[in-house]
C-alpha atoms as a PDB file:
ATOM      1  CA  UNK A   1     177.220 -12.960 148.843  1.00  0.00           C
ATOM      2  CA  UNK A   2     178.904 -14.002 152.072  1.00  0.00           C
ATOM      3  CA  UNK A   3     181.340 -11.424 153.390  1.00  0.00           C
ATOM      4  CA  UNK A   4     182.130 -13.249 156.599  1.00  0.00           C
ATOM      5  CA  UNK A   5     185.757 -14.152 157.352  1.00  0.00           C
ATOM      6  CA  UNK A   6     186.683 -17.666 158.414  1.00  0.00           C
ATOM      7  CA  UNK A   7     187.335 -18.616 162.048  1.00  0.00           C
ATOM      8  CA  UNK A   8     191.014 -18.863 161.166  1.00  0.00           C
ATOM      9  CA  UNK A   9     190.979 -15.288 159.878  1.00  0.00           C
ATOM     10  CA  UNK A  10     189.215 -14.040 163.012  1.00  0.00           C
ATOM     11  CA  UNK A  11     191.795 -15.827 165.221  1.00  0.00           C
ATOM     12  CA  UNK A  12     194.686 -14.283 163.295  1.00  0.00           C
ATOM     13  CA  UNK A  13     193.151 -10.828 163.502  1.00  0.00           C
ATOM     14  CA  UNK A  14     192.631 -11.177 167.247  1.00  0.00           C
ATOM     15  CA  UNK A  15     196.180 -12.501 167.772  1.00  0.00           C
ATOM     16  CA  UNK A  16     197.905  -9.706 165.830  1.00  0.00           C
ATOM     17  CA  UNK A  17     195.634  -7.076 167.399  1.00  0.00           C
ATOM     18  CA  UNK A  18     196.353  -8.324 170.895  1.00  0.00           C
ATOM     19  CA  UNK A  19     200.114  -8.393 170.382  1.00  0.00           C
ATOM     20  CA  UNK A  20     200.359  -4.987 168.702  1.00  0.00           C
ATOM     21  CA  UNK A  21     198.118  -3.304 171.341  1.00  0.00           C
ATOM     22  CA  UNK A  22     200.031  -4.863 174.204  1.00  0.00           C
ATOM     23  CA  UNK A  23     203.654  -4.902 173.031  1.00  0.00           C
ATOM     24  CA  UNK A  24     203.881  -1.833 170.852  1.00  0.00           C
ATOM     25  CA  UNK A  25     200.996   0.579 171.278  1.00  0.00           C
ATOM     26  CA  UNK A  26     201.965   1.761 174.809  1.00  0.00           C
ATOM     27  CA  UNK A  27     205.450   2.679 173.572  1.00  0.00           C
ATOM     28  CA  UNK A  28     204.874   3.847 170.023  1.00  0.00           C
ATOM     29  CA  UNK A  29     204.597   7.516 170.797  1.00  0.00           C
ATOM     30  CA  UNK A  30     207.903   7.469 172.643  1.00  0.00           C
ATOM     31  CA  UNK A  31     209.619   5.525 169.853  1.00  0.00           C
ATOM     32  CA  UNK A  32     208.209   7.869 167.261  1.00  0.00           C
ATOM     33  CA  UNK A  33     209.354  10.963 169.069  1.00  0.00           C
ATOM     34  CA  UNK A  34     212.794   9.525 169.563  1.00  0.00           C
ATOM     35  CA  UNK A  35     213.076   8.441 165.937  1.00  0.00           C
ATOM     36  CA  UNK A  36     214.030   5.024 167.303  1.00  0.00           C
ATOM     37  CA  UNK A  37     213.548   1.633 165.749  1.00  0.00           C
ATOM     38  CA  UNK A  38     213.037  -1.146 168.282  1.00  0.00           C
ATOM     39  CA  UNK A  39     214.554  -4.409 167.192  1.00  0.00           C
ATOM     40  CA  UNK A  40     212.521  -6.173 169.847  1.00  0.00           C
ATOM     41  CA  UNK A  41     209.545  -5.644 167.598  1.00  0.00           C
ATOM     42  CA  UNK A  42     211.094  -8.087 165.127  1.00  0.00           C
ATOM     43  CA  UNK A  43     211.419 -10.715 167.806  1.00  0.00           C
ATOM     44  CA  UNK A  44     207.771 -10.284 168.764  1.00  0.00           C
ATOM     45  CA  UNK A  45     206.606 -10.531 165.165  1.00  0.00           C
ATOM     46  CA  UNK A  46     208.731 -13.625 164.646  1.00  0.00           C
ATOM     47  CA  UNK A  47     207.260 -15.316 167.731  1.00  0.00           C
ATOM     48  CA  UNK A  48     203.770 -14.382 166.551  1.00  0.00           C
ATOM     49  CA  UNK A  49     204.500 -16.037 163.200  1.00  0.00           C
ATOM     50  CA  UNK A  50     203.755 -13.069 160.968  1.00  0.00           C
ATOM     51  CA  UNK A  51     207.235 -12.878 159.469  1.00  0.00           C
ATOM     52  CA  UNK A  52     206.433 -15.994 157.473  1.00  0.00           C
ATOM     53  CA  UNK A  53     202.668 -15.494 157.313  1.00  0.00           C
ATOM     54  CA  UNK A  54     202.000 -16.478 153.689  1.00  0.00           C
ATOM     55  CA  UNK A  55     205.046 -18.630 153.180  1.00  0.00           C
ATOM     56  CA  UNK A  56     204.245 -22.390 152.946  1.00  0.00           C
ATOM     57  CA  UNK A  57     204.973 -24.545 155.963  1.00  0.00           C
ATOM     58  CA  UNK A  58     207.593 -26.509 154.026  1.00  0.00           C
ATOM     59  CA  UNK A  59     209.660 -23.327 153.884  1.00  0.00           C
ATOM     60  CA  UNK A  60     209.207 -22.433 157.560  1.00  0.00           C
ATOM     61  CA  UNK A  61     206.100 -20.260 157.231  1.00  0.00           C
ATOM     62  CA  UNK A  62     202.561 -20.326 158.539  1.00  0.00           C
ATOM     63  CA  UNK A  63     201.152 -21.176 155.122  1.00  0.00           C
ATOM     64  CA  UNK A  64     198.220 -18.765 155.418  1.00  0.00           C
ATOM     65  CA  UNK A  65     196.430 -17.078 152.474  1.00  0.00           C
ATOM     66  CA  UNK A  66     196.612 -13.562 151.090  1.00  0.00           C
ATOM     67  CA  UNK A  67     193.553 -12.446 153.038  1.00  0.00           C
ATOM     68  CA  UNK A  68     195.502 -13.298 156.203  1.00  0.00           C
ATOM     69  CA  UNK A  69     198.360 -11.189 154.933  1.00  0.00           C
ATOM     70  CA  UNK A  70     196.020  -8.289 154.351  1.00  0.00           C
ATOM     71  CA  UNK A  71     194.351  -8.638 157.737  1.00  0.00           C
ATOM     72  CA  UNK A  72     197.699  -8.640 159.517  1.00  0.00           C
ATOM     73  CA  UNK A  73     198.746  -5.577 157.560  1.00  0.00           C
ATOM     74  CA  UNK A  74     195.623  -3.741 158.695  1.00  0.00           C
ATOM     75  CA  UNK A  75     196.051  -4.597 162.363  1.00  0.00           C
ATOM     76  CA  UNK A  76     199.757  -3.681 162.399  1.00  0.00           C
ATOM     77  CA  UNK A  77     199.202  -0.342 160.704  1.00  0.00           C
ATOM     78  CA  UNK A  78     196.360   0.423 163.077  1.00  0.00           C
ATOM     79  CA  UNK A  79     199.046   0.735 165.794  1.00  0.00           C
ATOM     80  CA  UNK A  80     201.787   2.241 163.573  1.00  0.00           C
ATOM     81  CA  UNK A  81     202.738   2.274 159.948  1.00  0.00           C
ATOM     82  CA  UNK A  82     206.300   1.188 160.837  1.00  0.00           C
ATOM     83  CA  UNK A  83     204.949  -2.220 161.842  1.00  0.00           C
ATOM     84  CA  UNK A  84     203.206  -2.763 158.532  1.00  0.00           C
ATOM     85  CA  UNK A  85     206.328  -1.670 156.671  1.00  0.00           C
ATOM     86  CA  UNK A  86     208.145  -4.650 158.199  1.00  0.00           C
ATOM     87  CA  UNK A  87     205.556  -6.963 156.849  1.00  0.00           C
ATOM     88  CA  UNK A  88     205.632  -5.315 153.426  1.00  0.00           C
ATOM     89  CA  UNK A  89     209.421  -5.460 152.853  1.00  0.00           C
ATOM     90  CA  UNK A  90     210.286  -8.676 154.670  1.00  0.00           C
ATOM     91  CA  UNK A  91     207.333 -10.841 153.638  1.00  0.00           C
ATOM     92  CA  UNK A  92     205.742  -9.322 150.501  1.00  0.00           C
ATOM     93  CA  UNK A  93     208.648  -7.714 148.656  1.00  0.00           C
ATOM     94  CA  UNK A  94     211.349 -10.239 149.604  1.00  0.00           C
ATOM     95  CA  UNK A  95     210.139 -13.593 150.863  1.00  0.00           C
ATOM     96  CA  UNK A  96     207.148 -14.001 148.558  1.00  0.00           C
ATOM     97  CA  UNK A  97     209.384 -13.055 145.658  1.00  0.00           C
ATOM     98  CA  UNK A  98     211.975 -15.708 146.610  1.00  0.00           C
ATOM     99  CA  UNK A  99     209.081 -18.198 146.937  1.00  0.00           C
ATOM    100  CA  UNK A 100     208.052 -17.441 143.332  1.00  0.00           C
ATOM    101  CA  UNK A 101     211.440 -16.923 141.639  1.00  0.00           C
ATOM    102  CA  UNK A 102     214.117 -18.437 143.870  1.00  0.00           C
ATOM    103  CA  UNK A 103     215.852 -21.785 143.370  1.00  0.00           C
ATOM    104  CA  UNK A 104     215.329 -24.584 145.794  1.00  0.00           C
ATOM    105  CA  UNK A 105     218.812 -23.900 147.221  1.00  0.00           C
ATOM    106  CA  UNK A 106     217.969 -20.235 147.750  1.00  0.00           C
ATOM    107  CA  UNK A 107     214.752 -21.181 149.500  1.00  0.00           C
ATOM    108  CA  UNK A 108     216.568 -23.511 151.803  1.00  0.00           C
ATOM    109  CA  UNK A 109     219.376 -21.021 152.581  1.00  0.00           C
ATOM    110  CA  UNK A 110     217.379 -17.809 152.783  1.00  0.00           C
ATOM    111  CA  UNK A 111     213.598 -18.211 152.597  1.00  0.00           C
ATOM    112  CA  UNK A 112     213.308 -20.695 155.513  1.00  0.00           C
ATOM    113  CA  UNK A 113     215.290 -18.609 158.035  1.00  0.00           C
ATOM    114  CA  UNK A 114     213.380 -15.495 156.917  1.00  0.00           C
ATOM    115  CA  UNK A 115     210.033 -17.129 157.341  1.00  0.00           C
ATOM    116  CA  UNK A 116     211.170 -18.234 160.856  1.00  0.00           C
ATOM    117  CA  UNK A 117     212.283 -14.715 161.708  1.00  0.00           C
ATOM    118  CA  UNK A 118     215.912 -15.850 162.163  1.00  0.00           C
ATOM    119  CA  UNK A 119     217.016 -13.558 159.283  1.00  0.00           C
ATOM    120  CA  UNK A 120     215.451 -10.188 158.424  1.00  0.00           C
ATOM    121  CA  UNK A 121     215.123  -9.296 154.728  1.00  0.00           C
ATOM    122  CA  UNK A 122     214.379  -6.234 152.645  1.00  0.00           C
ATOM    123  CA  UNK A 123     214.207  -4.970 149.066  1.00  0.00           C
ATOM    124  CA  UNK A 124     216.756  -2.840 147.304  1.00  0.00           C
ATOM    125  CA  UNK A 125     215.507  -1.167 144.140  1.00  0.00           C
ATOM    126  CA  UNK A 126     215.360   2.583 144.594  1.00  0.00           C
ATOM    127  CA  UNK A 127     218.473   4.729 144.147  1.00  0.00           C
ATOM    128  CA  UNK A 128     219.254   8.413 144.675  1.00  0.00           C
ATOM    129  CA  UNK A 129     218.546   9.097 140.980  1.00  0.00           C
ATOM    130  CA  UNK A 130     215.869   6.535 140.232  1.00  0.00           C
ATOM    131  CA  UNK A 131     212.687   5.260 141.895  1.00  0.00           C
ATOM    132  CA  UNK A 132     209.611   4.853 139.747  1.00  0.00           C
ATOM    133  CA  UNK A 133     211.945   4.958 136.707  1.00  0.00           C
ATOM    134  CA  UNK A 134     213.468   1.571 137.302  1.00  0.00           C
ATOM    135  CA  UNK A 135     215.416   1.772 134.042  1.00  0.00           C
ATOM    136  CA  UNK A 136     217.195   4.806 135.494  1.00  0.00           C
ATOM    137  CA  UNK A 137     219.087   2.884 138.160  1.00  0.00           C
ATOM    138  CA  UNK A 138     222.859   2.966 137.947  1.00  0.00           C
ATOM    139  CA  UNK A 139     223.985  -0.109 139.917  1.00  0.00           C
ATOM    140  CA  UNK A 140     225.867  -2.754 137.977  1.00  0.00           C
ATOM    141  CA  UNK A 141     226.724  -6.374 138.584  1.00  0.00           C
ATOM    142  CA  UNK A 142     229.420  -7.627 136.206  1.00  0.00           C
ATOM    143  CA  UNK A 143     230.068 -11.339 135.917  1.00  0.00           C
ATOM    144  CA  UNK A 144     233.579 -12.460 136.837  1.00  0.00           C
ATOM    145  CA  UNK A 145     234.015 -16.159 137.017  1.00  0.00           C
ATOM    146  CA  UNK A 146     231.735 -17.683 139.647  1.00  0.00           C
ATOM    147  CA  UNK A 147     230.634 -14.312 141.039  1.00  0.00           C
ATOM    148  CA  UNK A 148     229.140 -10.944 140.099  1.00  0.00           C
ATOM    149  CA  UNK A 149     230.904  -7.772 141.140  1.00  0.00           C
ATOM    150  CA  UNK A 150     228.205  -5.452 142.369  1.00  0.00           C
ATOM    151  CA  UNK A 151     228.720  -1.725 142.604  1.00  0.00           C
ATOM    152  CA  UNK A 152     226.240   1.038 143.333  1.00  0.00           C
ATOM    153  CA  UNK A 153     224.006   2.574 145.973  1.00  0.00           C
ATOM    154  CA  UNK A 154     220.406   2.144 147.098  1.00  0.00           C
ATOM    155  CA  UNK A 155     218.452   4.823 148.859  1.00  0.00           C
ATOM    156  CA  UNK A 156     215.349   5.145 150.992  1.00  0.00           C
ATOM    157  CA  UNK A 157     215.384   1.461 151.792  1.00  0.00           C
ATOM    158  CA  UNK A 158     213.191   0.284 154.672  1.00  0.00           C
ATOM    159  CA  UNK A 159     215.142  -1.782 157.198  1.00  0.00           C
ATOM    160  CA  UNK A 160     218.383  -0.894 155.442  1.00  0.00           C
ATOM    161  CA  UNK A 161     220.342  -0.724 158.666  1.00  0.00           C
ATOM    162  CA  UNK A 162     218.591  -3.717 160.161  1.00  0.00           C
ATOM    163  CA  UNK A 163     218.129  -6.419 157.474  1.00  0.00           C
ATOM    164  CA  UNK A 164     220.478  -9.421 157.152  1.00  0.00           C
ATOM    165  CA  UNK A 165     219.699  -9.932 153.438  1.00  0.00           C
ATOM    166  CA  UNK A 166     218.796  -7.700 150.582  1.00  0.00           C
ATOM    167  CA  UNK A 167     217.074  -8.399 147.283  1.00  0.00           C
ATOM    168  CA  UNK A 168     219.026  -6.145 145.018  1.00  0.00           C
ATOM    169  CA  UNK A 169     218.574  -5.114 141.401  1.00  0.00           C
ATOM    170  CA  UNK A 170     221.386  -4.098 139.060  1.00  0.00           C
ATOM    171  CA  UNK A 171     222.425  -3.985 135.442  1.00  0.00           C
ATOM    172  CA  UNK A 172     224.208  -7.130 134.194  1.00  0.00           C
ATOM    173  CA  UNK A 173     224.326  -5.929 130.580  1.00  0.00           C
ATOM    174  CA  UNK A 174     226.093  -2.577 130.139  1.00  0.00           C
ATOM    175  CA  UNK A 175     224.984  -2.209 126.513  1.00  0.00           C
ATOM    176  CA  UNK A 176     221.339  -2.596 127.546  1.00  0.00           C
ATOM    177  CA  UNK A 177     221.969  -0.187 130.361  1.00  0.00           C
ATOM    178  CA  UNK A 178     222.948   2.485 127.874  1.00  0.00           C
ATOM    179  CA  UNK A 179     219.869   1.704 125.805  1.00  0.00           C
ATOM    180  CA  UNK A 180     217.685   1.649 128.922  1.00  0.00           C
ATOM    181  CA  UNK A 181     216.507  -1.804 127.939  1.00  0.00           C
ATOM    182  CA  UNK A 182     215.005  -3.431 131.048  1.00  0.00           C
ATOM    183  CA  UNK A 183     216.040  -6.836 129.773  1.00  0.00           C
ATOM    184  CA  UNK A 184     219.516  -5.924 130.983  1.00  0.00           C
ATOM    185  CA  UNK A 185     218.486  -5.893 134.675  1.00  0.00           C
ATOM    186  CA  UNK A 186     219.013  -8.840 137.078  1.00  0.00           C
ATOM    187  CA  UNK A 187     218.202  -9.630 140.693  1.00  0.00           C
ATOM    188  CA  UNK A 188     220.456 -10.858 143.421  1.00  0.00           C
ATOM    189  CA  UNK A 189     220.407 -11.971 147.071  1.00  0.00           C
ATOM    190  CA  UNK A 190     223.046 -10.012 148.933  1.00  0.00           C
ATOM    191  CA  UNK A 191     224.067 -10.673 152.490  1.00  0.00           C
ATOM    192  CA  UNK A 192     225.060  -7.927 154.919  1.00  0.00           C
ATOM    193  CA  UNK A 193     228.266  -9.773 155.675  1.00  0.00           C
ATOM    194  CA  UNK A 194     229.546  -9.710 152.114  1.00  0.00           C
ATOM    195  CA  UNK A 195     232.751  -7.616 151.868  1.00  0.00           C
ATOM    196  CA  UNK A 196     232.006  -4.184 150.473  1.00  0.00           C
ATOM    197  CA  UNK A 197     228.467  -3.837 151.787  1.00  0.00           C
ATOM    198  CA  UNK A 198     227.753  -0.777 153.922  1.00  0.00           C
ATOM    199  CA  UNK A 199     224.524   0.661 155.310  1.00  0.00           C
ATOM    200  CA  UNK A 200     223.359   3.756 157.133  1.00  0.00           C
ATOM    201  CA  UNK A 201     220.201   5.251 158.608  1.00  0.00           C
ATOM    202  CA  UNK A 202     218.433   8.371 157.300  1.00  0.00           C
ATOM    203  CA  UNK A 203     217.424  10.580 160.219  1.00  0.00           C
ATOM    204  CA  UNK A 204     215.725  13.544 158.579  1.00  0.00           C
ATOM    205  CA  UNK A 205     212.230  12.135 157.965  1.00  0.00           C
ATOM    206  CA  UNK A 206     208.770  13.519 158.389  1.00  0.00           C
ATOM    207  CA  UNK A 207     206.970  10.264 158.895  1.00  0.00           C
ATOM    208  CA  UNK A 208     207.288   6.633 159.909  1.00  0.00           C
ATOM    209  CA  UNK A 209     209.755   7.856 162.547  1.00  0.00           C
ATOM    210  CA  UNK A 210     209.696   4.586 164.485  1.00  0.00           C
ATOM    211  CA  UNK A 211     210.764   2.712 161.390  1.00  0.00           C
ATOM    212  CA  UNK A 212     214.255   2.238 159.967  1.00  0.00           C
ATOM    213  CA  UNK A 213     214.954   3.874 156.560  1.00  0.00           C
ATOM    214  CA  UNK A 214     218.385   4.148 155.101  1.00  0.00           C
ATOM    215  CA  UNK A 215     220.850   3.530 152.332  1.00  0.00           C
ATOM    216  CA  UNK A 216     222.951   0.584 151.144  1.00  0.00           C
ATOM    217  CA  UNK A 217     226.342   0.934 149.518  1.00  0.00           C
ATOM    218  CA  UNK A 218     227.997  -1.739 147.349  1.00  0.00           C
ATOM    219  CA  UNK A 219     231.689  -1.293 146.752  1.00  0.00           C
ATOM    220  CA  UNK A 220     232.694  -4.000 144.318  1.00  0.00           C
ATOM    221  CA  UNK A 221     230.837  -6.621 146.326  1.00  0.00           C
ATOM    222  CA  UNK A 222     231.401 -10.178 145.116  1.00  0.00           C
ATOM    223  CA  UNK A 223     228.051 -11.896 144.939  1.00  0.00           C
ATOM    224  CA  UNK A 224     228.106 -15.622 144.269  1.00  0.00           C
ATOM    225  CA  UNK A 225     226.491 -16.616 140.972  1.00  0.00           C
ATOM    226  CA  UNK A 226     224.386 -18.972 142.969  1.00  0.00           C
ATOM    227  CA  UNK A 227     222.640 -15.852 144.416  1.00  0.00           C
ATOM    228  CA  UNK A 228     221.306 -14.739 141.081  1.00  0.00           C
ATOM    229  CA  UNK A 229     217.454 -14.804 141.370  1.00  0.00           C
ATOM    230  CA  UNK A 230     215.840 -16.056 138.214  1.00  0.00           C
ATOM    231  CA  UNK A 231     217.935 -15.699 135.127  1.00  0.00           C
ATOM    232  CA  UNK A 232     220.030 -12.830 133.871  1.00  0.00           C
ATOM    233  CA  UNK A 233     217.764 -10.212 132.333  1.00  0.00           C
ATOM    234  CA  UNK A 234     214.670 -11.127 134.396  1.00  0.00           C
ATOM    235  CA  UNK A 235     215.345  -8.513 137.012  1.00  0.00           C
ATOM    236  CA  UNK A 236     212.668  -6.092 135.766  1.00  0.00           C
ATOM    237  CA  UNK A 237     210.009  -8.770 135.785  1.00  0.00           C
ATOM    238  CA  UNK A 238     211.002  -9.865 139.255  1.00  0.00           C
ATOM    239  CA  UNK A 239     210.985  -6.299 140.505  1.00  0.00           C
ATOM    240  CA  UNK A 240     207.472  -5.754 139.202  1.00  0.00           C
ATOM    241  CA  UNK A 241     206.269  -9.026 140.728  1.00  0.00           C
ATOM    242  CA  UNK A 242     207.675  -8.028 144.061  1.00  0.00           C
ATOM    243  CA  UNK A 243     206.036  -4.616 143.907  1.00  0.00           C
ATOM    244  CA  UNK A 244     202.678  -6.224 143.245  1.00  0.00           C
ATOM    245  CA  UNK A 245     203.000  -8.164 146.463  1.00  0.00           C
ATOM    246  CA  UNK A 246     204.037  -5.059 148.351  1.00  0.00           C
ATOM    247  CA  UNK A 247     201.261  -2.866 146.993  1.00  0.00           C
ATOM    248  CA  UNK A 248     198.678  -5.292 148.348  1.00  0.00           C
ATOM    249  CA  UNK A 249     200.021  -5.009 151.890  1.00  0.00           C
ATOM    250  CA  UNK A 250     200.231  -1.215 151.565  1.00  0.00           C
ATOM    251  CA  UNK A 251     196.579  -1.078 150.422  1.00  0.00           C
ATOM    252  CA  UNK A 252     195.414  -3.343 153.188  1.00  0.00           C
ATOM    253  CA  UNK A 253     197.519  -1.536 155.757  1.00  0.00           C
ATOM    254  CA  UNK A 254     196.062   1.798 154.778  1.00  0.00           C
ATOM    255  CA  UNK A 255     192.646   0.571 155.976  1.00  0.00           C
ATOM    256  CA  UNK A 256     194.133   0.152 159.404  1.00  0.00           C
ATOM    257  CA  UNK A 257     195.350   3.734 159.370  1.00  0.00           C
ATOM    258  CA  UNK A 258     191.853   4.918 158.322  1.00  0.00           C
ATOM    259  CA  UNK A 259     190.307   2.864 161.126  1.00  0.00           C
ATOM    260  CA  UNK A 260     192.761   4.273 163.645  1.00  0.00           C
ATOM    261  CA  UNK A 261     191.866   7.836 162.603  1.00  0.00           C
ATOM    262  CA  UNK A 262     188.176   7.027 162.856  1.00  0.00           C
ATOM    263  CA  UNK A 263     188.516   5.507 166.325  1.00  0.00           C
ATOM    264  CA  UNK A 264     190.585   8.383 167.653  1.00  0.00           C
ATOM    265  CA  UNK A 265     188.007  10.840 166.257  1.00  0.00           C
ATOM    266  CA  UNK A 266     185.160   8.925 167.869  1.00  0.00           C
ATOM    267  CA  UNK A 267     186.866   9.016 171.238  1.00  0.00           C
ATOM    268  CA  UNK A 268     187.511  12.759 171.007  1.00  0.00           C
ATOM    269  CA  UNK A 269     183.914  13.400 169.829  1.00  0.00           C
ATOM    270  CA  UNK A 270     182.657  11.616 172.923  1.00  0.00           C
ATOM    271  CA  UNK A 271     185.054  13.382 175.317  1.00  0.00           C
ATOM    272  CA  UNK A 272     185.063  16.919 173.985  1.00  0.00           C
ATOM    273  CA  UNK A 273     182.073  19.093 174.967  1.00  0.00           C
ATOM    274  CA  UNK A 274     180.897  22.327 173.350  1.00  0.00           C
ATOM    275  CA  UNK A 275     177.689  24.276 173.746  1.00  0.00           C
ATOM    276  CA  UNK A 276     176.677  22.059 176.638  1.00  0.00           C
ATOM    277  CA  UNK A 277     176.981  18.654 174.908  1.00  0.00           C
ATOM    278  CA  UNK A 278     179.440  16.170 173.442  1.00  0.00           C
ATOM    279  CA  UNK A 279     180.625  17.454 170.097  1.00  0.00           C
ATOM    280  CA  UNK A 280     179.624  14.121 168.662  1.00  0.00           C
ATOM    281  CA  UNK A 281     175.988  15.301 169.063  1.00  0.00           C
ATOM    282  CA  UNK A 282     176.554  18.150 166.520  1.00  0.00           C
ATOM    283  CA  UNK A 283     175.395  17.382 163.006  1.00  0.00           C
ATOM    284  CA  UNK A 284     178.566  18.427 161.212  1.00  0.00           C
ATOM    285  CA  UNK A 285     180.703  16.235 163.471  1.00  0.00           C
ATOM    286  CA  UNK A 286     178.314  13.356 162.874  1.00  0.00           C
ATOM    287  CA  UNK A 287     178.705  13.859 159.168  1.00  0.00           C
ATOM    288  CA  UNK A 288     182.472  13.706 159.387  1.00  0.00           C
ATOM    289  CA  UNK A 289     182.360  10.543 161.512  1.00  0.00           C
ATOM    290  CA  UNK A 290     179.966   8.974 159.072  1.00  0.00           C
ATOM    291  CA  UNK A 291     182.276   9.847 156.165  1.00  0.00           C
ATOM    292  CA  UNK A 292     185.196   8.204 157.971  1.00  0.00           C
ATOM    293  CA  UNK A 293     183.232   5.081 158.422  1.00  0.00           C
ATOM    294  CA  UNK A 294     182.222   5.105 154.778  1.00  0.00           C
ATOM    295  CA  UNK A 295     185.837   5.643 153.672  1.00  0.00           C
ATOM    296  CA  UNK A 296     187.010   2.801 155.872  1.00  0.00           C
ATOM    297  CA  UNK A 297     184.469   0.335 154.571  1.00  0.00           C
ATOM    298  CA  UNK A 298     185.096   1.354 150.972  1.00  0.00           C
ATOM    299  CA  UNK A 299     188.809   0.983 151.391  1.00  0.00           C
ATOM    300  CA  UNK A 300     188.406  -2.419 152.920  1.00  0.00           C
ATOM    301  CA  UNK A 301     186.163  -3.588 150.094  1.00  0.00           C
ATOM    302  CA  UNK A 302     188.884  -2.645 147.556  1.00  0.00           C
ATOM    303  CA  UNK A 303     191.194  -5.401 148.797  1.00  0.00           C
ATOM    304  CA  UNK A 304     189.031  -7.764 150.797  1.00  0.00           C
ATOM    305  CA  UNK A 305     185.388  -8.295 149.949  1.00  0.00           C
ATOM    306  CA  UNK A 306     183.958  -7.107 146.648  1.00  0.00           C
ATOM    307  CA  UNK A 307     184.217  -6.584 142.904  1.00  0.00           C
ATOM    308  CA  UNK A 308     184.551  -2.859 143.613  1.00  0.00           C
ATOM    309  CA  UNK A 309     188.292  -3.447 143.174  1.00  0.00           C
ATOM    310  CA  UNK A 310     187.619  -4.446 139.602  1.00  0.00           C
ATOM    311  CA  UNK A 311     185.339  -1.399 139.116  1.00  0.00           C
ATOM    312  CA  UNK A 312     188.131   0.823 140.364  1.00  0.00           C
ATOM    313  CA  UNK A 313     190.701  -0.653 138.041  1.00  0.00           C
ATOM    314  CA  UNK A 314     188.389  -0.407 135.098  1.00  0.00           C
ATOM    315  CA  UNK A 315     187.286   3.157 135.656  1.00  0.00           C
ATOM    316  CA  UNK A 316     190.892   4.448 135.395  1.00  0.00           C
ATOM    317  CA  UNK A 317     190.694   3.751 131.668  1.00  0.00           C
ATOM    318  CA  UNK A 318     188.215   6.631 131.308  1.00  0.00           C
ATOM    319  CA  UNK A 319     190.887   9.168 132.275  1.00  0.00           C
ATOM    320  CA  UNK A 320     193.555   7.611 130.000  1.00  0.00           C
ATOM    321  CA  UNK A 321     192.184   6.551 126.687  1.00  0.00           C
ATOM    322  CA  UNK A 322     191.084   9.087 124.090  1.00  0.00           C
ATOM    323  CA  UNK A 323     193.680  11.388 125.582  1.00  0.00           C
ATOM    324  CA  UNK A 324     194.674  11.540 129.233  1.00  0.00           C
ATOM    325  CA  UNK A 325     193.007  13.956 131.556  1.00  0.00           C
ATOM    326  CA  UNK A 326     196.252  15.908 131.704  1.00  0.00           C
ATOM    327  CA  UNK A 327     196.250  16.377 127.935  1.00  0.00           C
ATOM    328  CA  UNK A 328     192.593  17.352 128.029  1.00  0.00           C
ATOM    329  CA  UNK A 329     193.417  20.001 130.680  1.00  0.00           C
ATOM    330  CA  UNK A 330     196.133  21.476 128.479  1.00  0.00           C
ATOM    331  CA  UNK A 331     193.765  21.555 125.504  1.00  0.00           C
ATOM    332  CA  UNK A 332     191.084  23.329 127.502  1.00  0.00           C
ATOM    333  CA  UNK A 333     193.583  25.853 128.773  1.00  0.00           C
ATOM    334  CA  UNK A 334     194.905  26.440 125.233  1.00  0.00           C
ATOM    335  CA  UNK A 335     191.373  27.247 123.999  1.00  0.00           C
ATOM    336  CA  UNK A 336     190.776  29.705 126.852  1.00  0.00           C
ATOM    337  CA  UNK A 337     194.160  31.396 126.323  1.00  0.00           C
ATOM    338  CA  UNK A 338     193.689  31.635 122.595  1.00  0.00           C
ATOM    339  CA  UNK A 339     196.675  29.450 121.812  1.00  0.00           C
ATOM    340  CA  UNK A 340     194.402  26.967 120.083  1.00  0.00           C
ATOM    341  CA  UNK A 341     191.478  28.019 117.871  1.00  0.00           C
ATOM    342  CA  UNK A 342     190.706  24.914 115.947  1.00  0.00           C
ATOM    343  CA  UNK A 343     187.613  22.991 116.890  1.00  0.00           C
ATOM    344  CA  UNK A 344     187.046  19.297 116.420  1.00  0.00           C
ATOM    345  CA  UNK A 345     184.827  18.386 113.499  1.00  0.00           C
ATOM    346  CA  UNK A 346     181.383  17.337 114.685  1.00  0.00           C
ATOM    347  CA  UNK A 347     179.749  14.258 113.215  1.00  0.00           C
ATOM    348  CA  UNK A 348     176.585  15.482 111.540  1.00  0.00           C
ATOM    349  CA  UNK A 349     173.527  13.308 112.160  1.00  0.00           C
ATOM    350  CA  UNK A 350     171.397  12.474 109.104  1.00  0.00           C
ATOM    351  CA  UNK A 351     168.262  14.631 108.644  1.00  0.00           C
ATOM    352  CA  UNK A 352     165.029  13.291 110.094  1.00  0.00           C
ATOM    353  CA  UNK A 353     161.403  14.098 109.470  1.00  0.00           C
ATOM    354  CA  UNK A 354     160.603  13.415 113.101  1.00  0.00           C
ATOM    355  CA  UNK A 355     159.961  16.799 114.704  1.00  0.00           C
ATOM    356  CA  UNK A 356     160.741  15.218 118.099  1.00  0.00           C
END
């Protein structure tokens, strides 16, 4: 089995690594401490071509494959997670979703300038009262003539105060909203310039301080019917499709963070001395470094090289079917506490004359 990357993949990796190490790495500690997002980063990424990395050339992108998207994610997060987040929300969550679900008119008006880096895009699903529970969102978009009137609020949105366009999800069927039927959700392209759109930046964060995270408000925003993505009622499917693209970049990016931790640890292990020698010479430190390398290679295999990804997906079933591990934990505790005294009936094996 050949695990080698193509020359094109190697060139992309080298290009993204060189740019990130030169243009961002020397300043990232300062940006992080100041909780400041540098818009110049977007210009650099646009010039590099990564803002349209996996978008076909006919729509302004580089037309590269998903492996390229993963490699770029790893190199960007190696320098700082805030860089990978841009790739995740702009390319994976928004642009690749428009590529799959958008009309030709939407691709011409929005996807092309996004792939070229002339417009910055993001994804608006999460709300103050709903995140993983998509059916719990409260935003509505009611059809009135040739437009939908959008009202609601999105929270914890990456690039909220920076993006030019938002892929927004809202209820278009109020009856299905009451029933929490996901077939009542729809997706829309919303421009920052639409009347009634407001955004703000969240400042009290513990991580990704050099990135922009905020909220988006929609006060009876009139969204043209032509900006409906897919058909009414397909919003949940579109949202899940988008999240699949984003999760891939998050997984690939995480390998960059692991590698960055490994490299920093190696440098320290070679610089720090204790008991007359580099601490890297001590067995316990060697064991930790070896474990970091193992974790990095295993994480990379999950998204890049091997069927281990399939093995990982399949093994999850063992902690779900026949009762989830959480239920099993409760059952075990109930037996110990005396709340449950019944025992499962054992299947008796037929008698045998074999003494063995």
